[in-house]
Structure formats: structure tokens, C-alpha cells
Amino acid sequence: MDKTQTEKEDIAYRQQVVNEYRADVEKLARYLSWLESKNGKSVQQSYSGSGIAEHSIAFPVYDGTLMNFIKEAQRTKLMDRNYKYVYSRYRIRRMEDELLAIRRADIREMDVLKGILSRYVMEGMTKGRRWSEAVENGIFLHVIKKMKENLDFWDHPVQTRVVNVKKGEKQE
């Protein structure tokens, strides 16, 4: 296979990824300003009203915007039930590994970004702190920003232009 054929296939793949995920990422990108404002802050409180602390376990009460974000994320194609395989394949074990993987991910590693997003959204269904951890530590913020950055970059191919080419010279 020649170089131009490989390049064409690569461009076609990237355009396919852009087309597949653009709408879903745009839905979640609406929450970027809220995620930035809540980065490092708690978005959960423990309900202890009606004397519940005396007779039962207090349960978390989440910010309404967080709940809307989670519901929106659950309805997208960005959820990957096999996110554990992504963590295993890329040897992601700690939050620092997640942040590094997010920074390094390009359009070809959308599965990494989807896996990290999926972990926090899905585990939050059973583990009370997972959603607020993702907001406080900036995981949701960084994943959505990176997804948007990758899609924005590849949605409009870089155009080459001829600058100061004299007549008779060939452009390389």
C-alpha cells in the first residue's frame, strides 16, 4: 500500500470518528463552564435531615447540574461498558495515569477518553463518591475538553496554501 492510500484511509477514519461523536460531545460540552467553576469544589452533600443520621446511613445529595450532566452522558454513544479493558490495555491504575492518558489522547485514542468517562459515570451508579470525585479532580472537565479539542481540530482539515511561488517553480 502506498503512502497516499494510507493517508487517505487515516483521514477517512478520523472523519468517521468526528462524524460519529460530534453531536454527543457537543451535548456534554455545554457543561464545560460549570465543570470549570466546580473544579476542586465539592458537588455533593450528605442528607441527614429528618433524624436519618440516628437510625440509618446518610446518603449523598448531588448538585442538580451534575445529575443533568450524568443523565446526558448516559444517553450518548460515549459510554463504554467495557471500560475496564481500556484501563487494563493502557495500564491505567491511578488518577495520575488517567490525567496523563487524557493529555496524550488524540483522535485515534477516543476509546481511552470514552473509557475514563464511562468509568466515572457508570461506577457512580453504585459508588456514591465517584461522580463528585470526577468533578472535584477535573476528570470530567479534562475528558470533555480533550474530546472537543480533538474533534474541533480534525473536523476542519488543515489546508495547505501556496505562498510566494514563482512561475515555473514546482511546489513540494
Protein backbone atom coordinates (compact mmCIF):
# COMPACT_ATOMS: atom_id res chain seq x y z
CA MET A 1 0.00 0.00 0.00
CA ASP A 2 1.41 3.34 -0.97
CA LYS A 3 1.74 6.34 1.28
CA THR A 4 -1.13 8.33 -0.22
CA GLN A 5 -3.54 5.42 0.18
CA THR A 6 -2.61 5.09 3.85
CA GLU A 7 -3.02 8.83 4.37
CA LYS A 8 -6.45 8.75 2.70
CA GLU A 9 -7.56 5.89 4.93
CA ASP A 10 -6.26 7.72 8.00
CA ILE A 11 -8.15 10.88 7.05
CA ALA A 12 -11.29 8.85 6.34
CA TYR A 13 -11.04 7.16 9.76
CA ARG A 14 -10.59 10.47 11.54
CA GLN A 15 -13.56 11.96 9.70
CA GLN A 16 -15.64 8.93 10.65
CA VAL A 17 -14.74 9.45 14.33
CA VAL A 18 -15.64 13.14 14.08
CA ASN A 19 -18.99 12.33 12.47
CA GLU A 20 -19.78 9.61 14.99
CA TYR A 21 -19.06 11.55 18.19
CA ARG A 22 -19.51 15.25 17.29
CA ALA A 23 -23.18 15.52 18.39
CA ASP A 24 -22.61 13.71 21.70
CA VAL A 25 -19.52 15.71 22.60
CA GLU A 26 -21.36 18.95 21.81
CA LYS A 27 -24.13 17.94 24.24
CA LEU A 28 -21.61 17.41 27.04
CA ALA A 29 -19.51 20.44 26.10
CA ARG A 30 -22.39 22.66 27.25
CA TYR A 31 -21.35 21.73 30.80
CA LEU A 32 -17.70 22.83 30.42
CA SER A 33 -18.14 26.21 32.10
CA TRP A 34 -19.97 24.59 35.01
CA LEU A 35 -17.28 21.89 35.32
CA GLU A 36 -14.56 24.57 35.31
CA SER A 37 -16.34 26.52 38.04
CA LYS A 38 -16.69 23.40 40.21
CA ASN A 39 -13.17 22.07 39.66
CA GLY A 40 -11.70 21.43 43.11
CA LYS A 41 -15.02 22.00 44.87
CA SER A 42 -17.48 19.55 46.35
CA VAL A 43 -20.72 18.97 44.44
CA GLN A 44 -22.30 16.65 46.97
CA GLN A 45 -23.76 16.96 50.42
CA SER A 46 -24.85 14.28 52.84
CA TYR A 47 -28.53 14.23 53.63
CA SER A 48 -29.05 14.00 57.35
CA GLY A 49 -32.47 15.59 57.77
CA SER A 50 -35.48 14.01 59.50
CA GLY A 51 -33.24 12.31 62.05
CA ILE A 52 -31.84 9.92 59.44
CA ALA A 53 -28.36 10.04 61.00
CA GLU A 54 -29.66 8.42 64.17
CA HIS A 55 -31.36 5.47 62.51
CA SER A 56 -29.70 4.97 59.14
CA ILE A 57 -26.77 5.84 56.94
CA ALA A 58 -26.63 9.33 55.47
CA PHE A 59 -26.74 9.33 51.68
CA PRO A 60 -25.27 11.77 49.16
CA VAL A 61 -27.32 14.54 47.58
CA TYR A 62 -25.79 15.80 44.34
CA ASP A 63 -25.87 19.16 42.60
CA GLY A 64 -28.70 19.27 40.05
CA THR A 65 -26.39 20.26 37.20
CA LEU A 66 -24.20 17.25 37.92
CA MET A 67 -27.22 14.99 37.71
CA ASN A 68 -28.20 16.53 34.36
CA PHE A 69 -24.64 16.01 33.09
CA ILE A 70 -24.70 12.35 34.19
CA LYS A 71 -28.09 11.71 32.56
CA GLU A 72 -26.91 13.38 29.36
CA ALA A 73 -23.69 11.35 29.34
CA GLN A 74 -25.60 8.10 29.88
CA ARG A 75 -27.65 8.77 26.73
CA THR A 76 -24.61 9.19 24.47
CA LYS A 77 -22.52 6.80 22.39
CA LEU A 78 -19.62 7.76 24.64
CA MET A 79 -20.50 5.15 27.26
CA ASP A 80 -18.37 2.02 27.05
CA ARG A 81 -19.40 -0.84 29.30
CA ASN A 82 -16.00 -2.45 28.69
CA TYR A 83 -14.04 0.47 30.11
CA LYS A 84 -12.09 -1.92 32.35
CA TYR A 85 -10.35 -3.31 29.27
CA VAL A 86 -9.23 0.20 28.32
CA TYR A 87 -7.73 0.62 31.81
CA SER A 88 -6.01 -2.74 31.51
CA ARG A 89 -4.74 -2.21 27.94
CA TYR A 90 -3.28 1.22 28.69
CA ARG A 91 -2.11 0.27 32.20
CA ILE A 92 -4.17 3.00 33.87
CA ARG A 93 -4.19 2.39 37.61
CA ARG A 94 -4.28 5.76 39.40
CA MET A 95 -5.81 9.15 38.86
CA GLU A 96 -2.41 10.48 37.70
CA ASP A 97 -2.40 7.77 35.00
CA GLU A 98 -5.88 8.87 33.92
CA LEU A 99 -4.86 12.52 33.63
CA LEU A 100 -1.72 11.57 31.68
CA ALA A 101 -3.74 9.35 29.32
CA ILE A 102 -6.22 12.19 28.78
CA ARG A 103 -3.43 14.65 27.94
CA ARG A 104 -1.82 12.21 25.48
CA ALA A 105 -5.01 11.08 23.74
CA ASP A 106 -5.58 12.19 20.19
CA ILE A 107 -8.44 11.40 17.81
CA ARG A 108 -7.22 7.80 17.45
CA GLU A 109 -7.50 7.25 21.21
CA MET A 110 -11.13 8.26 21.65
CA ASP A 111 -11.60 4.82 23.25
CA VAL A 112 -9.33 5.94 26.12
CA LEU A 113 -11.34 9.10 26.69
CA LYS A 114 -14.61 7.18 26.43
CA GLY A 115 -13.30 4.57 28.88
CA ILE A 116 -12.33 7.12 31.51
CA LEU A 117 -15.63 8.99 31.16
CA SER A 118 -17.54 5.70 31.30
CA ARG A 119 -15.77 4.53 34.42
CA TYR A 120 -16.78 7.55 36.44
CA VAL A 121 -20.32 7.76 35.09
CA MET A 122 -21.06 4.04 35.48
CA GLU A 123 -19.28 3.47 38.79
CA GLY A 124 -21.10 6.49 40.19
CA MET A 125 -24.31 4.50 39.94
CA THR A 126 -23.09 2.23 42.75
CA LYS A 127 -20.25 4.12 44.41
CA GLY A 128 -21.54 7.30 45.99
CA ARG A 129 -18.35 9.39 45.74
CA ARG A 130 -17.33 8.59 42.16
CA TRP A 131 -19.24 11.42 40.43
CA SER A 132 -18.14 14.09 42.86
CA GLU A 133 -14.53 12.82 42.65
CA ALA A 134 -14.63 13.22 38.88
CA VAL A 135 -15.83 16.82 39.20
CA GLU A 136 -13.52 17.78 42.08
CA ASN A 137 -10.43 16.27 40.43
CA GLY A 138 -11.29 17.65 36.98
CA ILE A 139 -11.63 14.26 35.28
CA PHE A 140 -14.95 15.12 33.58
CA LEU A 141 -13.60 18.56 32.67
CA HIS A 142 -10.38 17.27 31.10
CA VAL A 143 -12.06 14.40 29.23
CA ILE A 144 -14.73 16.57 27.65
CA LYS A 145 -12.24 19.35 26.83
CA LYS A 146 -9.89 16.85 25.17
CA MET A 147 -12.69 15.22 23.19
CA LYS A 148 -13.86 18.61 21.97
CA GLU A 149 -10.31 19.72 21.17
CA ASN A 150 -9.64 16.56 19.13
CA LEU A 151 -12.91 16.80 17.21
CA ASP A 152 -12.52 20.53 16.55
CA PHE A 153 -9.00 20.02 15.24
CA TRP A 154 -9.92 17.21 12.85
CA ASP A 155 -13.32 18.50 11.81
CA HIS A 156 -11.71 21.11 9.59
CA PRO A 157 -8.73 19.64 7.75
CA VAL A 158 -5.63 21.76 7.67
CA GLN A 159 -5.47 23.47 4.32
CA THR A 160 -2.18 23.98 2.59
CA ARG A 161 -1.62 27.07 0.58
CA VAL A 162 0.95 28.25 -1.88
CA VAL A 163 3.00 31.20 -0.64
CA ASN A 164 5.38 33.13 -2.89
CA VAL A 165 5.77 30.51 -5.57
CA LYS A 166 7.34 31.95 -8.68
CA LYS A 167 6.11 30.93 -12.08
CA GLY A 168 7.80 27.84 -13.36
CA GLU A 169 8.83 26.54 -9.89
CA LYS A 170 7.36 23.34 -8.63
CA GLN A 171 5.76 23.23 -5.23
CA GLU A 172 6.96 20.43 -2.98
